[in-house]
Protein backbone atom coordinates (compact mmCIF):
# COMPACT_ATOMS: atom_id res chain seq x y z
CA MET A 1 56.06 87.65 34.70
CA ALA A 2 53.62 86.81 31.61
CA THR A 3 51.24 89.01 30.21
CA PRO A 4 48.31 88.62 28.53
CA SER A 5 48.95 88.08 24.30
CA LYS A 6 46.19 90.31 23.17
CA PRO A 7 43.41 92.65 24.04
CA ILE A 8 40.24 91.18 24.39
CA PRO A 9 36.63 93.25 24.09
CA ALA A 10 35.74 92.34 27.51
CA PRO A 11 32.81 95.32 27.59
CA ARG A 12 31.16 94.26 24.86
CA VAL A 13 31.00 90.81 26.30
CA LYS A 14 29.83 92.22 29.32
CA GLU A 15 27.31 94.30 27.47
CA CYS A 16 25.90 90.85 25.84
CA MET A 17 25.86 89.10 29.01
CA GLY A 18 23.32 91.78 30.04
CA ARG A 19 21.03 91.31 27.67
CA LEU A 20 20.88 87.84 27.71
CA ARG A 21 20.36 87.93 31.60
CA ALA A 22 17.40 90.77 31.25
CA ASN A 23 15.99 88.68 28.80
CA ILE A 24 15.82 85.24 30.81
CA SER A 25 14.78 87.37 33.69
CA GLU A 26 11.63 88.15 32.20
CA VAL A 27 10.63 85.09 32.62
CA ILE A 28 13.04 83.31 35.34
CA ARG A 29 12.10 86.31 38.03
CA GLY A 30 14.18 86.44 41.09
CA LYS A 31 17.16 84.14 39.97
CA ASP A 32 20.09 86.62 38.89
CA ASP A 33 22.37 84.35 40.73
CA VAL A 34 21.66 81.15 39.06
CA ILE A 35 21.41 83.05 35.49
CA GLU A 36 24.63 84.54 36.22
CA ARG A 37 26.09 81.00 36.77
CA VAL A 38 24.11 79.85 33.92
CA LEU A 39 25.87 82.43 31.66
CA VAL A 40 29.16 81.55 32.65
CA GLY A 41 28.84 77.67 31.90
CA LEU A 42 27.57 78.82 28.12
CA LEU A 43 30.67 81.61 28.27
CA ALA A 44 32.99 78.67 29.75
CA GLY A 45 31.57 75.92 26.62
CA GLY A 46 30.90 73.57 29.65
CA ASN A 47 27.85 71.39 30.52
CA LEU A 48 25.82 72.05 33.16
CA LEU A 49 23.67 69.89 36.08
CA ILE A 50 20.55 72.07 37.47
CA GLU A 51 19.57 69.94 40.70
CA ASP A 52 16.16 70.81 42.79
CA LEU A 53 12.38 69.89 43.01
CA PRO A 54 9.85 69.47 40.51
CA GLY A 55 8.00 72.17 39.40
CA LEU A 56 10.97 75.18 40.48
CA GLY A 57 11.53 75.77 36.74
CA LYS A 58 15.02 74.04 35.69
CA THR A 59 12.82 73.09 32.45
CA THR A 60 11.69 76.32 32.18
CA LEU A 61 15.34 78.01 32.40
CA ALA A 62 16.55 75.66 29.81
CA TYR A 63 14.00 76.14 27.23
CA CYS A 64 14.71 80.06 27.74
CA LEU A 65 18.49 80.39 27.37
CA ALA A 66 18.17 78.24 24.24
CA ARG A 67 15.11 80.53 23.20
CA SER A 68 17.27 83.53 23.98
CA LEU A 69 19.76 82.18 21.94
CA ASP A 70 20.13 81.29 17.65
CA CYS A 71 20.96 78.39 17.83
CA THR A 72 19.28 74.71 17.88
CA PHE A 73 17.47 73.38 20.85
CA SER A 74 16.56 69.56 21.48
CA ARG A 75 14.93 67.97 24.48
CA ILE A 76 15.42 64.71 25.64
CA GLN A 77 12.78 63.48 28.49
CA PHE A 78 15.04 60.45 30.07
CA THR A 79 13.31 57.30 30.93
CA SER A 80 14.02 53.52 31.87
CA ASP A 81 13.31 52.24 28.95
CA LEU A 82 15.50 55.12 26.95
CA LEU A 83 18.21 53.25 25.07
CA PRO A 84 21.48 54.64 23.87
CA SER A 85 20.59 55.02 20.13
CA ASP A 86 17.68 57.03 20.82
CA VAL A 87 19.58 59.55 22.29
CA LEU A 88 22.74 59.44 19.89
CA GLY A 89 20.97 58.13 16.71
CA VAL A 90 20.81 54.73 14.81
CA SER A 91 22.39 53.17 11.31
CA ILE A 92 19.62 52.23 9.13
CA TYR A 93 20.11 49.92 5.76
CA ASP A 94 19.15 52.30 2.83
CA GLU A 95 17.76 50.55 0.13
CA GLN A 96 18.46 52.96 -2.47
CA LEU A 97 22.13 53.24 -2.10
CA LYS A 98 22.68 49.84 -0.62
CA GLU A 99 24.41 50.94 2.26
CA PHE A 100 23.72 51.90 6.32
CA VAL A 101 22.94 55.47 6.68
CA PHE A 102 23.15 57.02 9.72
CA LYS A 103 20.58 58.73 11.53
CA LYS A 104 21.02 61.46 14.05
CA GLY A 105 19.30 61.74 17.34
CA PRO A 106 18.85 64.36 19.33
CA ILE A 107 21.94 64.89 20.78
CA PHE A 108 22.80 66.88 17.56
CA ALA A 109 21.79 70.02 18.20
CA ASN A 110 23.18 73.27 20.26
CA ILE A 111 21.58 73.30 23.61
CA VAL A 112 20.45 70.02 24.48
CA LEU A 113 18.11 69.68 27.75
CA ALA A 114 18.54 66.48 29.04
CA ASP A 115 15.62 66.04 31.26
CA GLU A 116 15.26 63.97 34.20
CA ILE A 117 18.80 62.80 33.63
CA ASN A 118 18.99 60.04 36.75
CA ARG A 119 16.40 58.24 35.75
CA THR A 120 17.74 56.44 32.95
CA THR A 121 19.70 53.12 33.18
CA PRO A 122 23.60 53.44 33.27
CA LYS A 123 23.99 52.03 30.11
CA THR A 124 22.12 55.14 28.39
CA GLN A 125 23.66 57.69 30.46
CA SER A 126 26.78 56.44 29.61
CA SER A 127 26.11 56.81 26.33
CA LEU A 128 26.74 60.66 26.91
CA LEU A 129 30.51 60.20 27.69
CA GLU A 130 32.30 61.49 24.69
CA VAL A 131 29.45 63.89 23.28
CA MET A 132 29.62 65.61 26.73
CA ASP A 133 33.67 65.51 26.64
CA ARG A 134 34.61 65.62 22.73
CA GLY A 135 31.18 67.27 21.11
CA ARG A 136 31.08 64.03 19.03
CA VAL A 137 29.38 61.19 18.55
CA SER A 138 31.45 57.98 17.56
CA MET A 139 28.80 54.99 15.88
CA ASP A 140 29.97 52.05 14.03
CA GLY A 141 33.61 53.22 13.56
CA GLN A 142 32.69 56.67 12.36
CA THR A 143 32.87 59.93 14.27
CA TYR A 144 30.31 62.57 13.67
CA PRO A 145 30.50 66.23 15.60
CA VAL A 146 27.85 67.44 16.63
CA GLY A 147 28.68 70.83 16.05
CA GLN A 148 29.57 74.13 17.95
CA PRO A 149 28.50 75.75 20.20
CA PHE A 150 27.25 72.76 22.71
CA MET A 151 25.64 72.47 25.97
CA VAL A 152 24.10 69.79 28.08
CA PHE A 153 22.11 71.47 29.99
CA ALA A 154 20.70 67.91 32.44
CA THR A 155 17.92 67.99 35.51
CA GLN A 156 17.12 65.75 38.18
CA ASN A 157 15.24 65.64 41.47
CA PRO A 158 17.76 64.96 43.93
CA VAL A 159 15.13 63.57 46.85
CA ASP A 160 13.11 60.92 44.65
CA TYR A 161 15.19 57.88 44.71
CA GLU A 162 12.65 55.52 43.44
CA GLY A 163 12.73 54.45 39.86
CA THR A 164 16.36 56.64 39.26
CA PHE A 165 19.95 55.77 38.46
CA PRO A 166 22.77 57.90 40.46
CA LEU A 167 24.97 58.96 37.96
CA PRO A 168 28.51 57.50 38.05
CA GLU A 169 31.58 60.06 39.03
CA SER A 170 32.62 59.75 35.33
CA GLN A 171 29.52 61.02 34.31
CA MET A 172 29.21 63.85 37.07
CA ASP A 173 32.82 65.35 36.33
CA ARG A 174 32.11 66.09 32.75
CA PHE A 175 29.20 68.69 33.82
CA LEU A 176 31.32 72.02 34.09
CA MET A 177 28.74 72.93 37.14
CA ARG A 178 25.98 71.74 39.64
CA LEU A 179 23.48 74.49 40.31
CA ARG A 180 20.20 74.74 42.05
CA MET A 181 17.48 76.58 41.52
CA GLY A 182 15.57 77.41 45.24
CA TYR A 183 12.34 78.86 45.83
CA PRO A 184 11.30 81.99 44.77
CA ASP A 185 10.97 84.91 47.12
CA TYR A 186 7.36 86.01 47.65
CA LYS A 187 7.23 88.92 45.50
CA HIS A 188 8.64 87.52 42.35
CA GLU A 189 6.27 84.03 42.95
CA PHE A 190 3.20 86.62 42.52
CA GLU A 191 4.54 88.38 39.50
CA ILE A 192 5.04 84.36 38.59
CA LEU A 193 0.90 83.59 39.58
CA ALA A 194 -0.27 87.17 38.01
CA ARG A 195 0.64 86.06 35.17
CA PRO A 196 -1.79 84.79 32.52
CA GLU A 197 -2.36 81.19 32.49
CA ASP A 198 -1.77 80.40 28.86
CA ARG A 199 1.85 81.67 29.72
CA GLN A 200 2.64 79.30 32.47
CA ARG A 201 3.85 76.72 30.27
CA TYR A 202 7.43 76.76 29.12
CA ASP A 203 6.71 75.99 25.42
CA SER A 204 4.19 78.86 25.50
CA ILE A 205 6.39 81.80 26.60
CA GLU A 206 7.38 84.00 24.25
CA VAL A 207 11.27 84.94 24.16
CA ASN A 208 13.10 85.90 21.32
CA PRO A 209 16.71 85.46 20.42
CA ILE A 210 19.20 88.31 20.90
CA VAL A 211 22.45 86.83 20.38
CA SER A 212 24.01 84.88 17.22
CA ARG A 213 25.95 81.62 17.02
CA GLN A 214 28.45 82.93 15.49
CA GLU A 215 28.22 85.58 18.70
CA ILE A 216 28.35 82.60 21.14
CA LEU A 217 31.39 81.00 19.35
CA GLN A 218 34.08 84.57 19.32
CA MET A 219 32.68 84.99 23.11
CA GLN A 220 33.38 81.36 24.15
CA ALA A 221 36.95 81.95 21.98
CA TYR A 222 37.63 85.49 24.24
CA ALA A 223 37.01 83.67 27.39
CA LYS A 224 39.59 80.93 26.69
CA GLU A 225 42.16 83.74 25.94
CA VAL A 226 41.21 85.28 29.78
CA PHE A 227 44.97 86.00 31.55
CA LEU A 228 45.63 83.98 34.49
CA GLU A 229 48.68 85.82 35.91
CA GLU A 230 50.90 83.44 37.47
CA SER A 231 50.13 83.60 41.39
CA VAL A 232 46.33 83.42 40.64
CA THR A 233 47.23 80.07 39.24
CA HIS A 234 48.95 78.95 42.94
CA TYR A 235 45.76 80.19 44.46
CA LEU A 236 43.55 78.28 42.50
CA LEU A 237 45.68 74.80 42.50
CA ARG A 238 45.93 75.34 46.57
CA ILE A 239 42.73 75.21 46.57
CA VAL A 240 42.23 72.10 44.47
CA THR A 241 44.91 70.31 46.35
CA ALA A 242 43.52 71.13 49.62
CA THR A 243 40.27 69.07 48.46
CA ARG A 244 42.88 66.27 47.61
CA THR A 245 44.94 66.71 51.07
CA GLU A 246 42.49 67.71 53.92
CA SER A 247 40.73 64.68 55.89
CA GLU A 248 37.20 65.96 55.42
CA PHE A 249 36.70 64.62 52.13
CA VAL A 250 36.18 61.22 51.24
CA ASN A 251 37.94 61.90 47.38
CA GLY A 252 39.78 65.02 45.97
CA VAL A 253 38.78 67.23 42.70
CA SER A 254 40.40 65.61 39.56
CA THR A 255 42.62 67.93 36.99
CA ARG A 256 39.49 67.95 34.91
CA GLY A 257 37.85 69.50 37.33
CA ALA A 258 40.99 71.50 38.18
CA LEU A 259 40.50 72.64 34.59
CA ALA A 260 36.83 73.27 34.90
CA LEU A 261 38.13 75.81 37.69
CA LYS A 262 40.20 77.86 35.77
CA SER A 263 37.43 77.45 32.78
CA ALA A 264 34.98 78.74 34.50
CA ALA A 265 36.83 81.73 36.39
CA GLN A 266 38.05 82.93 32.93
CA ALA A 267 34.58 83.11 31.92
CA TYR A 268 33.16 84.92 35.10
CA ALA A 269 36.00 87.46 34.80
CA LEU A 270 34.97 87.66 31.27
CA SER A 271 31.00 88.07 32.07
CA GLN A 272 31.97 90.74 34.97
CA GLY A 273 33.89 93.04 31.82
CA ARG A 274 37.50 92.07 32.44
CA GLY A 275 40.00 90.36 30.41
CA PHE A 276 41.88 89.14 33.39
CA VAL A 277 41.13 86.51 36.80
CA ILE A 278 41.51 87.67 40.05
CA PRO A 279 41.24 85.86 43.14
CA GLU A 280 37.85 86.48 44.03
CA ASP A 281 36.65 85.31 40.34
CA VAL A 282 38.21 81.94 41.45
CA ALA A 283 36.93 82.09 44.87
CA GLU A 284 32.89 82.43 43.04
CA MET A 285 33.13 80.10 41.10
CA VAL A 286 34.36 77.16 43.40
CA GLY A 287 30.95 76.41 44.77
CA PRO A 288 29.35 75.46 41.69
CA VAL A 289 32.64 73.74 39.75
CA PHE A 290 33.22 71.34 43.43
CA THR A 291 29.85 70.42 45.05
CA HIS A 292 29.41 67.55 42.89
CA ARG A 293 32.92 66.75 42.21
CA ILE A 294 34.14 65.95 46.19
CA GLY A 295 32.51 63.94 48.93
CA LEU A 296 32.58 64.33 52.19
CA ARG A 297 33.12 61.97 55.42
CA ARG A 298 30.27 63.26 57.28
CA GLN A 299 27.42 64.35 54.79
CA THR A 300 24.50 66.19 55.55
CA SER A 301 21.00 65.13 56.63
CA ASN A 302 19.70 67.78 54.09
CA PRO A 303 20.52 66.53 50.11
CA LEU A 304 19.54 70.03 49.17
CA GLU A 305 22.14 71.66 50.81
CA GLU A 306 24.75 72.91 48.68
CA ARG A 307 28.02 72.28 50.21
CA HIS A 308 31.06 74.73 50.12
CA VAL A 309 34.17 74.26 50.54
CA VAL A 310 35.09 78.12 51.16
């Protein structure tokens, strides 16, 4: 039986995640489960898609995450006239140097908020495929790394279809998880309403960075080392295989999706203070990791209803 290669300071990571959770919860009230999964996505080094109705705090959540980290942050407002060069950058001829110089676009940041990503054209959407998968931009025969850590935090409205372009499966597969905000409960919404008006805007919220860029990179490296016992790997693979063989699914989960479930389970285990994965970690992550990767033959009438496979 395989054993872990080296000890991981899991309790220290759990303490750090707890500080981040508390910092974000000061602004995002009553959404501990969503915050937990966002932090798991950060640990796993994956991209996140937050899908829900307007005005429920999707942008504010991204902003609070970015402000809690000592990292660079960029917001891109996706519109129908947005061009790939507006996102990635463009080569401009420099008269003094007598050569083309690449001017980096807003994608070159550690945390990138892709706001209303489904409002831009497929051409612009596809410009994100390489950077979301490889963390780099290829332009004019040159490759430019965007730096680490890197996360695309995308938002979209799932019920307003006018003027939108559905994300292709190839891009959906590059999101580690798809999450929903949901309405706040009465108590927490009352607390939000009781805030001064100048604190309602997301860019007026005061959140101090409490985790450095180097700490994030270390924790992401630890997450990759979290131990997966062979029987747990078989359990994970049986879930993946079921999506490909059960008749109720139109399509199954890809190998990239299986790797995403593994990464998410490792990150979740680490966030709970463990250096090893248990079956419950895998089951906990199946919903957010698979919900955008599979399709049911009989679709639900409510587009906001989350689809679970376990």
